[in-house]
């Protein structure tokens, strides 16, 4: 199963390569598969090093909040199973 976590574009260079932030992890991705202009501050969905789609900021933030809730819940369960 693949999950595509929204990533915020931090920079775009002349080769259509972007630096993005995915939940605090910075990495480089190609923008070659997206037909529309991608700008700093946009959110994109990434698969194996390629941005596949732009998404609007509201949808990205909603998804990121859900991922945070899932991570918090998993973390709580793991902590409880190990220490309680």
Protein backbone atom coordinates (compact mmCIF):
# COMPACT_ATOMS: atom_id res chain seq x y z
CA UNK A 1 0.00 0.00 0.00
CA UNK A 2 1.28 3.44 -0.87
CA UNK A 3 0.36 6.60 0.95
CA UNK A 4 0.98 9.91 -0.66
CA UNK A 5 1.51 12.57 1.95
CA UNK A 6 1.06 16.18 0.86
CA UNK A 7 4.39 17.96 0.58
CA UNK A 8 4.95 21.71 0.52
CA UNK A 9 7.19 23.07 -2.23
CA UNK A 10 10.13 25.00 -0.78
CA UNK A 11 11.98 25.82 -4.00
CA UNK A 12 11.93 25.08 -7.72
CA UNK A 13 15.07 25.17 -9.86
CA UNK A 14 15.60 25.73 -13.59
CA UNK A 15 15.54 21.95 -14.25
CA UNK A 16 11.98 21.62 -12.92
CA UNK A 17 13.28 19.98 -9.77
CA UNK A 18 11.79 20.98 -6.42
CA UNK A 19 12.80 20.79 -2.80
CA UNK A 20 9.78 19.86 -0.72
CA UNK A 21 8.92 19.41 2.93
CA UNK A 22 7.07 16.22 3.79
CA UNK A 23 6.15 16.20 7.47
CA UNK A 24 9.42 17.91 8.33
CA UNK A 25 11.58 15.80 5.99
CA UNK A 26 13.16 17.75 3.15
CA UNK A 27 13.82 16.01 -0.15
CA UNK A 28 14.10 16.62 -3.86
CA UNK A 29 11.47 15.63 -6.42
CA UNK A 30 10.94 16.02 -10.13
CA UNK A 31 8.01 18.13 -11.31
CA UNK A 32 8.17 16.76 -14.87
CA UNK A 33 4.90 14.79 -14.59
CA UNK A 34 2.78 17.75 -13.57
CA UNK A 35 1.50 19.65 -16.62
CA UNK A 36 0.69 22.84 -14.74
CA UNK A 37 3.02 25.43 -13.17
CA UNK A 38 4.19 24.57 -9.64
CA UNK A 39 5.30 27.41 -7.40
CA UNK A 40 6.92 27.81 -4.02
CA UNK A 41 4.26 27.30 -1.37
CA UNK A 42 2.15 24.90 -3.46
CA UNK A 43 1.34 21.43 -2.14
CA UNK A 44 2.00 18.33 -4.24
CA UNK A 45 1.50 14.59 -3.91
CA UNK A 46 4.65 12.53 -4.55
CA UNK A 47 5.29 8.98 -5.71
CA UNK A 48 8.79 7.50 -6.07
CA UNK A 49 10.52 10.82 -6.49
CA UNK A 50 8.01 12.43 -8.82
CA UNK A 51 5.36 14.95 -7.92
CA UNK A 52 2.17 13.50 -9.40
CA UNK A 53 -0.44 16.13 -8.66
CA UNK A 54 -0.94 19.55 -7.16
CA UNK A 55 -3.52 19.77 -4.40
CA UNK A 56 -5.08 22.83 -2.88
CA UNK A 57 -3.80 24.08 0.44
CA UNK A 58 -7.02 23.35 2.37
CA UNK A 59 -7.06 19.70 1.26
CA UNK A 60 -3.34 19.35 2.01
CA UNK A 61 -3.72 20.76 5.50
CA UNK A 62 -6.72 18.54 6.20
CA UNK A 63 -4.74 15.45 5.10
CA UNK A 64 -1.70 16.48 7.14
CA UNK A 65 -3.87 16.90 10.23
CA UNK A 66 -5.31 13.39 9.72
CA UNK A 67 -1.78 11.94 9.36
CA UNK A 68 -0.77 13.71 12.56
CA UNK A 69 -3.77 12.26 14.41
CA UNK A 70 -2.93 8.75 13.13
CA UNK A 71 0.73 9.15 14.13
CA UNK A 72 -0.26 10.43 17.56
CA UNK A 73 -2.64 7.51 18.04
CA UNK A 74 -0.08 4.92 16.93
CA UNK A 75 2.51 6.51 19.18
CA UNK A 76 0.15 6.44 22.15
CA UNK A 77 -0.72 2.79 21.60
CA UNK A 78 2.92 1.79 21.25
CA UNK A 79 3.88 3.65 24.38
CA UNK A 80 1.00 2.10 26.31
CA UNK A 81 1.85 -1.43 25.15
CA UNK A 82 5.50 -1.05 26.11
CA UNK A 83 5.24 0.74 29.39
CA UNK A 84 1.77 0.26 30.89
